[in-house]
Amino acid sequence: MNLIIDVGNTFVKLAVFKNSNLLLNESTEVENLINRTKLIFHEFPQIDWAIVSSVVDLGKSEMKALTDFCNVHILNHQSKIPFKNLYASPTTLGVDRIALAAAAFYNSTNITTLVIDAGTCITY
């Protein structure tokens, strides 16, 4: 079982997957991340891994809370992804955009896809 955490500028989106089945999908404010995460691990104690995509720096207390419960991977430009990053400066491609491109790859194999992220900043 996996916990997916997407930390944006305003909200944190949380999802729990068992294989490809979505068991939980919700959002909370950044300041509620630790408390909400603890409740999720109580509800889903079988979570083995978490992956974190964050456009803001998470504090040590947030990371410690996650690593107390499971293995954690922080998505970054060095993460293994299913496509070649041809961005002009690969180290500066936002992790939110990396995550969306990976999702588009798996959901739209062999077709050209435009992904629009309408968060605090609209990117495509």
PDB file of N, CA and C in Angstrom:
ATOM      1  N   MET A   1       0.848  -1.162   0.000  1.00  0.00           N
ATOM      2  CA  MET A   1       0.000   0.000   0.000  1.00  0.00           C
ATOM      3  C   MET A   1       0.901   1.235   0.000  1.00  0.00           C
ATOM      4  N   ASN A   2       0.492   2.266  -0.742  1.00  0.00           N
ATOM      5  CA  ASN A   2       1.305   3.468  -0.905  1.00  0.00           C
ATOM      6  C   ASN A   2       0.525   4.725  -0.555  1.00  0.00           C
ATOM      7  N   LEU A   3       1.218   5.675   0.056  1.00  0.00           N
ATOM      8  CA  LEU A   3       0.673   6.991   0.341  1.00  0.00           C
ATOM      9  C   LEU A   3       1.335   7.982  -0.608  1.00  0.00           C
ATOM     10  N   ILE A   4       0.511   8.732  -1.319  1.00  0.00           N
ATOM     11  CA  ILE A   4       1.002   9.741  -2.246  1.00  0.00           C
ATOM     12  C   ILE A   4       0.684  11.107  -1.638  1.00  0.00           C
ATOM     13  N   ILE A   5       1.703  11.966  -1.539  1.00  0.00           N
ATOM     14  CA  ILE A   5       1.522  13.285  -0.948  1.00  0.00           C
ATOM     15  C   ILE A   5       2.017  14.329  -1.937  1.00  0.00           C
ATOM     16  N   ASP A   6       1.119  15.236  -2.311  1.00  0.00           N
ATOM     17  CA  ASP A   6       1.448  16.325  -3.226  1.00  0.00           C
ATOM     18  C   ASP A   6       1.264  17.633  -2.473  1.00  0.00           C
ATOM     19  N   VAL A   7       2.380  18.269  -2.120  1.00  0.00           N
ATOM     20  CA  VAL A   7       2.338  19.505  -1.353  1.00  0.00           C
ATOM     21  C   VAL A   7       2.438  20.681  -2.308  1.00  0.00           C
ATOM     22  N   GLY A   8       1.351  21.441  -2.385  1.00  0.00           N
ATOM     23  CA  GLY A   8       1.331  22.635  -3.215  1.00  0.00           C
ATOM     24  C   GLY A   8       1.535  23.873  -2.368  1.00  0.00           C
ATOM     25  N   ASN A   9       1.354  25.011  -2.968  1.00  0.00           N
ATOM     26  CA  ASN A   9       1.519  26.264  -2.242  1.00  0.00           C
ATOM     27  C   ASN A   9       0.409  26.494  -1.222  1.00  0.00           C
ATOM     28  N   THR A  10      -0.778  25.989  -1.507  1.00  0.00           N
ATOM     29  CA  THR A  10      -1.927  26.245  -0.649  1.00  0.00           C
ATOM     30  C   THR A  10      -2.423  24.999   0.066  1.00  0.00           C
ATOM     31  N   PHE A  11      -2.528  23.893  -0.675  1.00  0.00           N
ATOM     32  CA  PHE A  11      -3.081  22.660  -0.121  1.00  0.00           C
ATOM     33  C   PHE A  11      -2.134  21.485  -0.299  1.00  0.00           C
ATOM     34  N   VAL A  12      -2.364  20.471   0.535  1.00  0.00           N
ATOM     35  CA  VAL A  12      -1.684  19.188   0.410  1.00  0.00           C
ATOM     36  C   VAL A  12      -2.735  18.188  -0.052  1.00  0.00           C
ATOM     37  N   LYS A  13      -2.435  17.504  -1.157  1.00  0.00           N
ATOM     38  CA  LYS A  13      -3.320  16.448  -1.627  1.00  0.00           C
ATOM     39  C   LYS A  13      -2.740  15.116  -1.183  1.00  0.00           C
ATOM     40  N   LEU A  14      -3.610  14.264  -0.650  1.00  0.00           N
ATOM     41  CA  LEU A  14      -3.198  12.959  -0.118  1.00  0.00           C
ATOM     42  C   LEU A  14      -4.004  11.867  -0.795  1.00  0.00           C
ATOM     43  N   ALA A  15      -3.332  10.778  -1.139  1.00  0.00           N
ATOM     44  CA  ALA A  15      -4.010   9.633  -1.743  1.00  0.00           C
ATOM     45  C   ALA A  15      -3.376   8.360  -1.222  1.00  0.00           C
ATOM     46  N   VAL A  16      -4.201   7.343  -1.017  1.00  0.00           N
ATOM     47  CA  VAL A  16      -3.710   6.022  -0.625  1.00  0.00           C
ATOM     48  C   VAL A  16      -4.110   5.047  -1.728  1.00  0.00           C
ATOM     49  N   PHE A  17      -3.128   4.292  -2.203  1.00  0.00           N
ATOM     50  CA  PHE A  17      -3.361   3.292  -3.236  1.00  0.00           C
ATOM     51  C   PHE A  17      -2.987   1.912  -2.727  1.00  0.00           C
ATOM     52  N   LYS A  18      -3.791   0.947  -3.094  1.00  0.00           N
ATOM     53  CA  LYS A  18      -3.429  -0.461  -2.939  1.00  0.00           C
ATOM     54  C   LYS A  18      -3.406  -1.002  -4.355  1.00  0.00           C
ATOM     55  N   ASN A  19      -2.197  -1.297  -4.833  1.00  0.00           N
ATOM     56  CA  ASN A  19      -1.977  -1.591  -6.252  1.00  0.00           C
ATOM     57  C   ASN A  19      -2.491  -0.395  -7.047  1.00  0.00           C
ATOM     58  N   SER A  20      -3.401  -0.589  -7.962  1.00  0.00           N
ATOM     59  CA  SER A  20      -3.908   0.556  -8.725  1.00  0.00           C
ATOM     60  C   SER A  20      -5.269   1.030  -8.220  1.00  0.00           C
ATOM     61  N   ASN A  21      -5.699   0.533  -7.083  1.00  0.00           N
ATOM     62  CA  ASN A  21      -6.992   0.925  -6.516  1.00  0.00           C
ATOM     63  C   ASN A  21      -6.832   2.115  -5.572  1.00  0.00           C
ATOM     64  N   LEU A  22      -7.566   3.175  -5.845  1.00  0.00           N
ATOM     65  CA  LEU A  22      -7.553   4.372  -5.012  1.00  0.00           C
ATOM     66  C   LEU A  22      -8.461   4.146  -3.808  1.00  0.00           C
ATOM     67  N   LEU A  23      -7.885   4.180  -2.598  1.00  0.00           N
ATOM     68  CA  LEU A  23      -8.644   3.952  -1.370  1.00  0.00           C
ATOM     69  C   LEU A  23      -8.991   5.246  -0.641  1.00  0.00           C
ATOM     70  N   LEU A  24      -8.183   6.288  -0.851  1.00  0.00           N
ATOM     71  CA  LEU A  24      -8.397   7.565  -0.177  1.00  0.00           C
ATOM     72  C   LEU A  24      -7.922   8.675  -1.090  1.00  0.00           C
ATOM     73  N   ASN A  25      -8.702   9.751  -1.158  1.00  0.00           N
ATOM     74  CA  ASN A  25      -8.326  10.914  -1.953  1.00  0.00           C
ATOM     75  C   ASN A  25      -8.886  12.139  -1.244  1.00  0.00           C
ATOM     76  N   GLU A  26      -8.003  12.991  -0.711  1.00  0.00           N
ATOM     77  CA  GLU A  26      -8.462  14.165   0.025  1.00  0.00           C
ATOM     78  C   GLU A  26      -7.396  15.245  -0.006  1.00  0.00           C
ATOM     79  N   SER A  27      -7.770  16.405   0.478  1.00  0.00           N
ATOM     80  CA  SER A  27      -6.799  17.494   0.595  1.00  0.00           C
ATOM     81  C   SER A  27      -6.950  18.152   1.957  1.00  0.00           C
ATOM     82  N   THR A  28      -5.877  18.802   2.373  1.00  0.00           N
ATOM     83  CA  THR A  28      -5.857  19.496   3.653  1.00  0.00           C
ATOM     84  C   THR A  28      -4.911  20.680   3.522  1.00  0.00           C
ATOM     85  N   GLU A  29      -4.938  21.558   4.489  1.00  0.00           N
ATOM     86  CA  GLU A  29      -4.005  22.676   4.497  1.00  0.00           C
ATOM     87  C   GLU A  29      -2.637  22.193   4.978  1.00  0.00           C
ATOM     88  N   VAL A  30      -1.590  22.862   4.535  1.00  0.00           N
ATOM     89  CA  VAL A  30      -0.218  22.445   4.843  1.00  0.00           C
ATOM     90  C   VAL A  30      -0.002  22.287   6.341  1.00  0.00           C
ATOM     91  N   GLU A  31      -0.541  23.203   7.143  1.00  0.00           N
ATOM     92  CA  GLU A  31      -0.316  23.134   8.592  1.00  0.00           C
ATOM     93  C   GLU A  31      -0.996  21.921   9.247  1.00  0.00           C
ATOM     94  N   ASN A  32      -1.902  21.245   8.543  1.00  0.00           N
ATOM     95  CA  ASN A  32      -2.572  20.044   9.080  1.00  0.00           C
ATOM     96  C   ASN A  32      -1.921  18.749   8.612  1.00  0.00           C
ATOM     97  N   LEU A  33      -0.830  18.847   7.856  1.00  0.00           N
ATOM     98  CA  LEU A  33      -0.224  17.658   7.248  1.00  0.00           C
ATOM     99  C   LEU A  33       0.140  16.586   8.273  1.00  0.00           C
ATOM    100  N   ILE A  34       0.820  16.944   9.339  1.00  0.00           N
ATOM    101  CA  ILE A  34       1.272  15.930  10.311  1.00  0.00           C
ATOM    102  C   ILE A  34       0.072  15.234  10.954  1.00  0.00           C
ATOM    103  N   ASN A  35      -0.887  15.991  11.445  1.00  0.00           N
ATOM    104  CA  ASN A  35      -2.043  15.365  12.099  1.00  0.00           C
ATOM    105  C   ASN A  35      -2.823  14.493  11.140  1.00  0.00           C
ATOM    106  N   ARG A  36      -3.047  14.956   9.918  1.00  0.00           N
ATOM    107  CA  ARG A  36      -3.818  14.173   8.953  1.00  0.00           C
ATOM    108  C   ARG A  36      -3.056  12.917   8.559  1.00  0.00           C
ATOM    109  N   THR A  37      -1.749  13.029   8.397  1.00  0.00           N
ATOM    110  CA  THR A  37      -0.930  11.869   8.039  1.00  0.00           C
ATOM    111  C   THR A  37      -0.977  10.806   9.129  1.00  0.00           C
ATOM    112  N   LYS A  38      -0.902  11.210  10.377  1.00  0.00           N
ATOM    113  CA  LYS A  38      -0.984  10.253  11.483  1.00  0.00           C
ATOM    114  C   LYS A  38      -2.316   9.508  11.451  1.00  0.00           C
ATOM    115  N   LEU A  39      -3.398  10.218  11.172  1.00  0.00           N
ATOM    116  CA  LEU A  39      -4.713   9.576  11.085  1.00  0.00           C
ATOM    117  C   LEU A  39      -4.776   8.597   9.915  1.00  0.00           C
ATOM    118  N   ILE A  40      -4.161   8.963   8.803  1.00  0.00           N
ATOM    119  CA  ILE A  40      -4.144   8.064   7.638  1.00  0.00           C
ATOM    120  C   ILE A  40      -3.382   6.788   7.960  1.00  0.00           C
ATOM    121  N   PHE A  41      -2.233   6.899   8.623  1.00  0.00           N
ATOM    122  CA  PHE A  41      -1.468   5.699   8.974  1.00  0.00           C
ATOM    123  C   PHE A  41      -2.221   4.853   9.992  1.00  0.00           C
ATOM    124  N   HIS A  42      -3.012   5.468  10.832  1.00  0.00           N
ATOM    125  CA  HIS A  42      -3.844   4.704  11.771  1.00  0.00           C
ATOM    126  C   HIS A  42      -4.943   3.950  11.011  1.00  0.00           C
ATOM    127  N   GLU A  43      -5.519   4.615  10.009  1.00  0.00           N
ATOM    128  CA  GLU A  43      -6.584   3.998   9.210  1.00  0.00           C
ATOM    129  C   GLU A  43      -6.048   2.947   8.247  1.00  0.00           C
ATOM    130  N   PHE A  44      -4.835   3.161   7.740  1.00  0.00           N
ATOM    131  CA  PHE A  44      -4.217   2.253   6.762  1.00  0.00           C
ATOM    132  C   PHE A  44      -2.826   1.830   7.253  1.00  0.00           C
ATOM    133  N   PRO A  45      -2.745   0.981   8.266  1.00  0.00           N
ATOM    134  CA  PRO A  45      -1.432   0.611   8.823  1.00  0.00           C
ATOM    135  C   PRO A  45      -0.573  -0.216   7.862  1.00  0.00           C
ATOM    136  N   GLN A  46      -1.147  -0.668   6.762  1.00  0.00           N
ATOM    137  CA  GLN A  46      -0.393  -1.478   5.792  1.00  0.00           C
ATOM    138  C   GLN A  46       0.432  -0.629   4.826  1.00  0.00           C
ATOM    139  N   ILE A  47       0.402   0.688   4.960  1.00  0.00           N
ATOM    140  CA  ILE A  47       1.189   1.544   4.064  1.00  0.00           C
ATOM    141  C   ILE A  47       2.676   1.255   4.285  1.00  0.00           C
ATOM    142  N   ASP A  48       3.354   0.895   3.192  1.00  0.00           N
ATOM    143  CA  ASP A  48       4.787   0.592   3.242  1.00  0.00           C
ATOM    144  C   ASP A  48       5.640   1.760   2.748  1.00  0.00           C
ATOM    145  N   TRP A  49       5.116   2.473   1.754  1.00  0.00           N
ATOM    146  CA  TRP A  49       5.882   3.525   1.100  1.00  0.00           C
ATOM    147  C   TRP A  49       5.056   4.790   0.962  1.00  0.00           C
ATOM    148  N   ALA A  50       5.747   5.914   1.003  1.00  0.00           N
ATOM    149  CA  ALA A  50       5.151   7.201   0.680  1.00  0.00           C
ATOM    150  C   ALA A  50       6.051   7.874  -0.343  1.00  0.00           C
ATOM    151  N   ILE A  51       5.441   8.572  -1.275  1.00  0.00           N
ATOM    152  CA  ILE A  51       6.197   9.412  -2.197  1.00  0.00           C
ATOM    153  C   ILE A  51       5.676  10.825  -2.015  1.00  0.00           C
ATOM    154  N   VAL A  52       6.603  11.755  -1.919  1.00  0.00           N
ATOM    155  CA  VAL A  52       6.260  13.147  -1.648  1.00  0.00           C
ATOM    156  C   VAL A  52       6.711  14.014  -2.818  1.00  0.00           C
ATOM    157  N   SER A  53       5.763  14.751  -3.364  1.00  0.00           N
ATOM    158  CA  SER A  53       6.034  15.762  -4.374  1.00  0.00           C
ATOM    159  C   SER A  53       5.702  17.088  -3.719  1.00  0.00           C
ATOM    160  N   SER A  54       6.695  17.960  -3.576  1.00  0.00           N
ATOM    161  CA  SER A  54       6.455  19.206  -2.860  1.00  0.00           C
ATOM    162  C   SER A  54       7.098  20.388  -3.577  1.00  0.00           C
ATOM    163  N   VAL A  55       6.285  21.409  -3.828  1.00  0.00           N
ATOM    164  CA  VAL A  55       6.827  22.631  -4.434  1.00  0.00           C
ATOM    165  C   VAL A  55       7.298  23.611  -3.369  1.00  0.00           C
ATOM    166  N   VAL A  56       7.083  23.266  -2.093  1.00  0.00           N
ATOM    167  CA  VAL A  56       7.595  24.060  -0.973  1.00  0.00           C
ATOM    168  C   VAL A  56       8.466  23.156  -0.115  1.00  0.00           C
ATOM    169  N   ASP A  57       9.365  23.747   0.640  1.00  0.00           N
ATOM    170  CA  ASP A  57      10.215  22.947   1.511  1.00  0.00           C
ATOM    171  C   ASP A  57       9.417  22.478   2.723  1.00  0.00           C
ATOM    172  N   LEU A  58       9.396  21.156   2.924  1.00  0.00           N
ATOM    173  CA  LEU A  58       8.767  20.622   4.128  1.00  0.00           C
ATOM    174  C   LEU A  58       9.763  20.711   5.271  1.00  0.00           C
ATOM    175  N   GLY A  59       9.273  20.977   6.442  1.00  0.00           N
ATOM    176  CA  GLY A  59      10.132  21.065   7.609  1.00  0.00           C
ATOM    177  C   GLY A  59      10.590  19.694   8.082  1.00  0.00           C
ATOM    178  N   LYS A  60      11.560  19.691   8.972  1.00  0.00           N
ATOM    179  CA  LYS A  60      12.080  18.445   9.522  1.00  0.00           C
ATOM    180  C   LYS A  60      11.001  17.674  10.275  1.00  0.00           C
ATOM    181  N   SER A  61      10.102  18.382  10.957  1.00  0.00           N
ATOM    182  CA  SER A  61       9.061  17.701  11.726  1.00  0.00           C
ATOM    183  C   SER A  61       8.107  16.938  10.805  1.00  0.00           C
ATOM    184  N   GLU A  62       7.783  17.510   9.647  1.00  0.00           N
ATOM    185  CA  GLU A  62       6.918  16.815   8.692  1.00  0.00           C
ATOM    186  C   GLU A  62       7.593  15.564   8.144  1.00  0.00           C
ATOM    187  N   MET A  63       8.862  15.689   7.771  1.00  0.00           N
ATOM    188  CA  MET A  63       9.580  14.532   7.228  1.00  0.00           C
ATOM    189  C   MET A  63       9.769  13.456   8.293  1.00  0.00           C
ATOM    190  N   LYS A  64      10.066  13.860   9.515  1.00  0.00           N
ATOM    191  CA  LYS A  64      10.231  12.900  10.604  1.00  0.00           C
ATOM    192  C   LYS A  64       8.931  12.148  10.849  1.00  0.00           C
ATOM    193  N   ALA A  65       7.801  12.857  10.814  1.00  0.00           N
ATOM    194  CA  ALA A  65       6.509  12.213  11.029  1.00  0.00           C
ATOM    195  C   ALA A  65       6.263  11.145   9.970  1.00  0.00           C
ATOM    196  N   LEU A  66       6.641  11.419   8.733  1.00  0.00           N
ATOM    197  CA  LEU A  66       6.447  10.433   7.670  1.00  0.00           C
ATOM    198  C   LEU A  66       7.381   9.245   7.824  1.00  0.00           C
ATOM    199  N   THR A  67       8.656   9.518   8.073  1.00  0.00           N
ATOM    200  CA  THR A  67       9.625   8.426   8.152  1.00  0.00           C
ATOM    201  C   THR A  67       9.434   7.565   9.396  1.00  0.00           C
ATOM    202  N   ASP A  68       8.696   8.056  10.382  1.00  0.00           N
ATOM    203  CA  ASP A  68       8.375   7.222  11.545  1.00  0.00           C
ATOM    204  C   ASP A  68       7.422   6.088  11.175  1.00  0.00           C
ATOM    205  N   PHE A  69       6.654   6.271  10.090  1.00  0.00           N
ATOM    206  CA  PHE A  69       5.632   5.297   9.727  1.00  0.00           C
ATOM    207  C   PHE A  69       6.004   4.386   8.565  1.00  0.00           C
ATOM    208  N   CYS A  70       6.804   4.887   7.634  1.00  0.00           N
ATOM    209  CA  CYS A  70       7.093   4.085   6.442  1.00  0.00           C
ATOM    210  C   CYS A  70       8.332   4.611   5.734  1.00  0.00           C
ATOM    211  N   ASN A  71       8.721   3.922   4.661  1.00  0.00           N
ATOM    212  CA  ASN A  71       9.796   4.388   3.793  1.00  0.00           C
ATOM    213  C   ASN A  71       9.264   5.563   2.977  1.00  0.00           C
ATOM    214  N   VAL A  72      10.107   6.564   2.753  1.00  0.00           N
ATOM    215  CA  VAL A  72       9.674   7.766   2.052  1.00  0.00           C
ATOM    216  C   VAL A  72      10.624   8.057   0.896  1.00  0.00           C
ATOM    217  N   HIS A  73      10.031   8.330  -0.263  1.00  0.00           N
ATOM    218  CA  HIS A  73      10.809   8.795  -1.417  1.00  0.00           C
ATOM    219  C   HIS A  73      10.378  10.223  -1.709  1.00  0.00           C
ATOM    220  N   ILE A  74      11.346  11.123  -1.796  1.00  0.00           N
ATOM    221  CA  ILE A  74      11.080  12.510  -2.148  1.00  0.00           C
ATOM    222  C   ILE A  74      11.308  12.639  -3.652  1.00  0.00           C
ATOM    223  N   LEU A  75      10.249  12.944  -4.381  1.00  0.00           N
ATOM    224  CA  LEU A  75      10.360  13.095  -5.827  1.00  0.00           C
ATOM    225  C   LEU A  75      11.260  14.281  -6.142  1.00  0.00           C
ATOM    226  N   ASN A  76      12.220  14.059  -7.053  1.00  0.00           N
ATOM    227  CA  ASN A  76      13.095  15.143  -7.496  1.00  0.00           C
ATOM    228  C   ASN A  76      13.577  14.841  -8.908  1.00  0.00           C
ATOM    229  N   HIS A  77      14.434  15.698  -9.441  1.00  0.00           N
ATOM    230  CA  HIS A  77      14.888  15.526 -10.817  1.00  0.00           C
ATOM    231  C   HIS A  77      15.727  14.264 -11.020  1.00  0.00           C
ATOM    232  N   GLN A  78      16.187  13.629  -9.939  1.00  0.00           N
ATOM    233  CA  GLN A  78      16.977  12.402 -10.052  1.00  0.00           C
ATOM    234  C   GLN A  78      16.127  11.139  -9.886  1.00  0.00           C
ATOM    235  N   SER A  79      14.857  11.290  -9.587  1.00  0.00           N
ATOM    236  CA  SER A  79      13.977  10.131  -9.421  1.00  0.00           C
ATOM    237  C   SER A  79      13.830   9.391 -10.748  1.00  0.00           C
ATOM    238  N   LYS A  80      13.661   8.077 -10.642  1.00  0.00           N
ATOM    239  CA  LYS A  80      13.452   7.267 -11.830  1.00  0.00           C
ATOM    240  C   LYS A  80      12.052   7.574 -12.371  1.00  0.00           C
ATOM    241  N   ILE A  81      11.996   8.015 -13.628  1.00  0.00           N
ATOM    242  CA  ILE A  81      10.733   8.380 -14.262  1.00  0.00           C
ATOM    243  C   ILE A  81      10.629   7.668 -15.608  1.00  0.00           C
ATOM    244  N   PRO A  82       9.415   7.510 -16.148  1.00  0.00           N
ATOM    245  CA  PRO A  82       9.229   6.712 -17.364  1.00  0.00           C
ATOM    246  C   PRO A  82       9.438   7.488 -18.672  1.00  0.00           C
ATOM    247  N   PHE A  83      10.143   8.595 -18.610  1.00  0.00           N
ATOM    248  CA  PHE A  83      10.389   9.392 -19.805  1.00  0.00           C
ATOM    249  C   PHE A  83      11.714  10.108 -19.646  1.00  0.00           C
ATOM    250  N   LYS A  84      12.249  10.623 -20.758  1.00  0.00           N
ATOM    251  CA  LYS A  84      13.502  11.370 -20.710  1.00  0.00           C
ATOM    252  C   LYS A  84      13.185  12.842 -20.494  1.00  0.00           C
ATOM    253  N   ASN A  85      13.785  13.422 -19.476  1.00  0.00           N
ATOM    254  CA  ASN A  85      13.579  14.830 -19.146  1.00  0.00           C
ATOM    255  C   ASN A  85      14.438  15.675 -20.086  1.00  0.00           C
ATOM    256  N   LEU A  86      13.791  16.306 -21.062  1.00  0.00           N
ATOM    257  CA  LEU A  86      14.500  17.138 -22.034  1.00  0.00           C
ATOM    258  C   LEU A  86      14.382  18.629 -21.720  1.00  0.00           C
ATOM    259  N   TYR A  87      13.973  18.931 -20.500  1.00  0.00           N
ATOM    260  CA  TYR A  87      13.854  20.324 -20.074  1.00  0.00           C
ATOM    261  C   TYR A  87      15.231  20.980 -20.193  1.00  0.00           C
ATOM    262  N   ALA A  88      15.268  22.254 -20.581  1.00  0.00           N
ATOM    263  CA  ALA A  88      16.533  22.958 -20.808  1.00  0.00           C
ATOM    264  C   ALA A  88      17.478  22.864 -19.613  1.00  0.00           C
ATOM    265  N   SER A  89      16.931  22.973 -18.409  1.00  0.00           N
ATOM    266  CA  SER A  89      17.742  22.791 -17.198  1.00  0.00           C
ATOM    267  C   SER A  89      17.005  21.772 -16.318  1.00  0.00           C
ATOM    268  N   PRO A  90      17.262  20.473 -16.512  1.00  0.00           N
ATOM    269  CA  PRO A  90      16.503  19.406 -15.855  1.00  0.00           C
ATOM    270  C   PRO A  90      16.403  19.540 -14.336  1.00  0.00           C
ATOM    271  N   THR A  91      17.399  20.136 -13.701  1.00  0.00           N
ATOM    272  CA  THR A  91      17.362  20.257 -12.243  1.00  0.00           C
ATOM    273  C   THR A  91      16.329  21.270 -11.767  1.00  0.00           C
ATOM    274  N   THR A  92      15.855  22.128 -12.674  1.00  0.00           N
ATOM    275  CA  THR A  92      14.888  23.150 -12.260  1.00  0.00           C
ATOM    276  C   THR A  92      13.456  22.831 -12.686  1.00  0.00           C
ATOM    277  N   LEU A  93      13.241  21.689 -13.336  1.00  0.00           N
ATOM    278  CA  LEU A  93      11.877  21.297 -13.682  1.00  0.00           C
ATOM    279  C   LEU A  93      11.148  20.945 -12.394  1.00  0.00           C
ATOM    280  N   GLY A  94      10.044  21.607 -12.138  1.00  0.00           N
ATOM    281  CA  GLY A  94       9.308  21.406 -10.889  1.00  0.00           C
ATOM    282  C   GLY A  94       8.815  19.984 -10.716  1.00  0.00           C
ATOM    283  N   VAL A  95       8.853  19.513  -9.475  1.00  0.00           N
ATOM    284  CA  VAL A  95       8.422  18.140  -9.195  1.00  0.00           C
ATOM    285  C   VAL A  95       6.938  17.955  -9.474  1.00  0.00           C
ATOM    286  N   ASP A  96       6.152  19.018  -9.363  1.00  0.00           N
ATOM    287  CA  ASP A  96       4.735  18.908  -9.705  1.00  0.00           C
ATOM    288  C   ASP A  96       4.579  18.579 -11.181  1.00  0.00           C
ATOM    289  N   ARG A  97       5.399  19.189 -12.009  1.00  0.00           N
ATOM    290  CA  ARG A  97       5.348  18.930 -13.451  1.00  0.00           C
ATOM    291  C   ARG A  97       5.908  17.552 -13.787  1.00  0.00           C
ATOM    292  N   ILE A  98       6.931  17.107 -13.054  1.00  0.00           N
ATOM    293  CA  ILE A  98       7.466  15.751 -13.258  1.00  0.00           C
ATOM    294  C   ILE A  98       6.386  14.723 -12.943  1.00  0.00           C
ATOM    295  N   ALA A  99       5.685  14.905 -11.822  1.00  0.00           N
ATOM    296  CA  ALA A  99       4.632  13.967 -11.420  1.00  0.00           C
ATOM    297  C   ALA A  99       3.511  13.935 -12.452  1.00  0.00           C
ATOM    298  N   LEU A 100       3.107  15.094 -12.938  1.00  0.00           N
ATOM    299  CA  LEU A 100       2.031  15.137 -13.936  1.00  0.00           C
ATOM    300  C   LEU A 100       2.454  14.483 -15.247  1.00  0.00           C
ATOM    301  N   ALA A 101       3.684  14.698 -15.658  1.00  0.00           N
ATOM    302  CA  ALA A 101       4.166  14.080 -16.896  1.00  0.00           C
ATOM    303  C   ALA A 101       4.223  12.555 -16.756  1.00  0.00           C
ATOM    304  N   ALA A 102       4.628  12.073 -15.585  1.00  0.00           N
ATOM    305  CA  ALA A 102       4.645  10.623 -15.351  1.00  0.00           C
ATOM    306  C   ALA A 102       3.227  10.058 -15.398  1.00  0.00           C
ATOM    307  N   ALA A 103       2.277  10.751 -14.789  1.00  0.00           N
ATOM    308  CA  ALA A 103       0.880  10.295 -14.826  1.00  0.00           C
ATOM    309  C   ALA A 103       0.353  10.292 -16.250  1.00  0.00           C
ATOM    310  N   ALA A 104       0.667  11.326 -17.022  1.00  0.00           N
ATOM    311  CA  ALA A 104       0.228  11.381 -18.416  1.00  0.00           C
ATOM    312  C   ALA A 104       0.834  10.235 -19.213  1.00  0.00           C
ATOM    313  N   PHE A 105       2.098   9.923 -18.950  1.00  0.00           N
ATOM    314  CA  PHE A 105       2.752   8.816 -19.646  1.00  0.00           C
ATOM    315  C   PHE A 105       2.005   7.502 -19.409  1.00  0.00           C
ATOM    316  N   TYR A 106       1.674   7.214 -18.157  1.00  0.00           N
ATOM    317  CA  TYR A 106       1.021   5.953 -17.833  1.00  0.00           C
ATOM    318  C   TYR A 106      -0.451   5.912 -18.247  1.00  0.00           C
ATOM    319  N   ASN A 107      -1.101   7.071 -18.325  1.00  0.00           N
ATOM    320  CA  ASN A 107      -2.523   7.097 -18.663  1.00  0.00           C
ATOM    321  C   ASN A 107      -2.799   7.360 -20.133  1.00  0.00           C
ATOM    322  N   SER A 108      -1.797   7.780 -20.881  1.00  0.00           N
ATOM    323  CA  SER A 108      -1.999   8.122 -22.293  1.00  0.00           C
ATOM    324  C   SER A 108      -0.838   7.606 -23.128  1.00  0.00           C
ATOM    325  N   THR A 109      -0.542   6.342 -22.994  1.00  0.00           N
ATOM    326  CA  THR A 109       0.596   5.745 -23.679  1.00  0.00           C
ATOM    327  C   THR A 109       0.443   5.857 -25.193  1.00  0.00           C
ATOM    328  N   ASN A 110       1.510   6.252 -25.845  1.00  0.00           N
ATOM    329  CA  ASN A 110       1.623   6.320 -27.305  1.00  0.00           C
ATOM    330  C   ASN A 110       0.736   7.361 -27.963  1.00  0.00           C
ATOM    331  N   ILE A 111       0.285   8.370 -27.235  1.00  0.00           N
ATOM    332  CA  ILE A 111      -0.442   9.473 -27.856  1.00  0.00           C
ATOM    333  C   ILE A 111       0.104  10.791 -27.299  1.00  0.00           C
ATOM    334  N   THR A 112       0.050  11.814 -28.108  1.00  0.00           N
ATOM    335  CA  THR A 112       0.480  13.133 -27.664  1.00  0.00           C
ATOM    336  C   THR A 112      -0.524  13.656 -26.645  1.00  0.00           C
ATOM    337  N   THR A 113      -0.023  14.173 -25.533  1.00  0.00           N
ATOM    338  CA  THR A 113      -0.897  14.596 -24.444  1.00  0.00           C
ATOM    339  C   THR A 113      -0.484  15.981 -23.954  1.00  0.00           C
ATOM    340  N   LEU A 114      -1.462  16.833 -23.734  1.00  0.00           N
ATOM    341  CA  LEU A 114      -1.230  18.127 -23.117  1.00  0.00           C
ATOM    342  C   LEU A 114      -1.783  18.062 -21.703  1.00  0.00           C
ATOM    343  N   VAL A 115      -0.944  18.379 -20.718  1.00  0.00           N
ATOM    344  CA  VAL A 115      -1.367  18.387 -19.329  1.00  0.00           C
ATOM    345  C   VAL A 115      -1.394  19.832 -18.865  1.00  0.00           C
ATOM    346  N   ILE A 116      -2.507  20.234 -18.285  1.00  0.00           N
ATOM    347  CA  ILE A 116      -2.638  21.586 -17.745  1.00  0.00           C
ATOM    348  C   ILE A 116      -2.827  21.472 -16.247  1.00  0.00           C
ATOM    349  N   ASP A 117      -1.940  22.120 -15.488  1.00  0.00           N
ATOM    350  CA  ASP A 117      -2.012  22.133 -14.031  1.00  0.00           C
ATOM    351  C   ASP A 117      -2.520  23.495 -13.609  1.00  0.00           C
ATOM    352  N   ALA A 118      -3.733  23.523 -13.063  1.00  0.00           N
ATOM    353  CA  ALA A 118      -4.357  24.783 -12.673  1.00  0.00           C
ATOM    354  C   ALA A 118      -4.290  24.951 -11.158  1.00  0.00           C
ATOM    355  N   GLY A 119      -3.074  25.052 -10.645  1.00  0.00           N
ATOM    356  CA  GLY A 119      -2.880  25.306  -9.228  1.00  0.00           C
ATOM    357  C   GLY A 119      -2.700  26.801  -9.007  1.00  0.00           C
ATOM    358  N   THR A 120      -1.838  27.158  -8.070  1.00  0.00           N
ATOM    359  CA  THR A 120      -1.557  28.568  -7.824  1.00  0.00           C
ATOM    360  C   THR A 120      -1.007  29.217  -9.101  1.00  0.00           C
ATOM    361  N   CYS A 121      -0.192  28.455  -9.797  1.00  0.00           N
ATOM    362  CA  CYS A 121       0.356  28.893 -11.080  1.00  0.00           C
ATOM    363  C   CYS A 121      -0.148  27.920 -12.142  1.00  0.00           C
ATOM    364  N   ILE A 122      -0.647  28.427 -13.249  1.00  0.00           N
ATOM    365  CA  ILE A 122      -1.127  27.551 -14.326  1.00  0.00           C
ATOM    366  C   ILE A 122       0.056  27.206 -15.222  1.00  0.00           C
ATOM    367  N   THR A 123       0.312  25.895 -15.356  1.00  0.00           N
ATOM    368  CA  THR A 123       1.389  25.427 -16.220  1.00  0.00           C
ATOM    369  C   THR A 123       0.812  24.429 -17.205  1.00  0.00           C
ATOM    370  N   TYR A 124       1.497  24.275 -18.336  1.00  0.00           N
ATOM    371  CA  TYR A 124       1.061  23.289 -19.330  1.00  0.00           C
ATOM    372  C   TYR A 124       2.261  22.679 -19.998  1.00  0.00           C
TER     373      TYR A 124
END
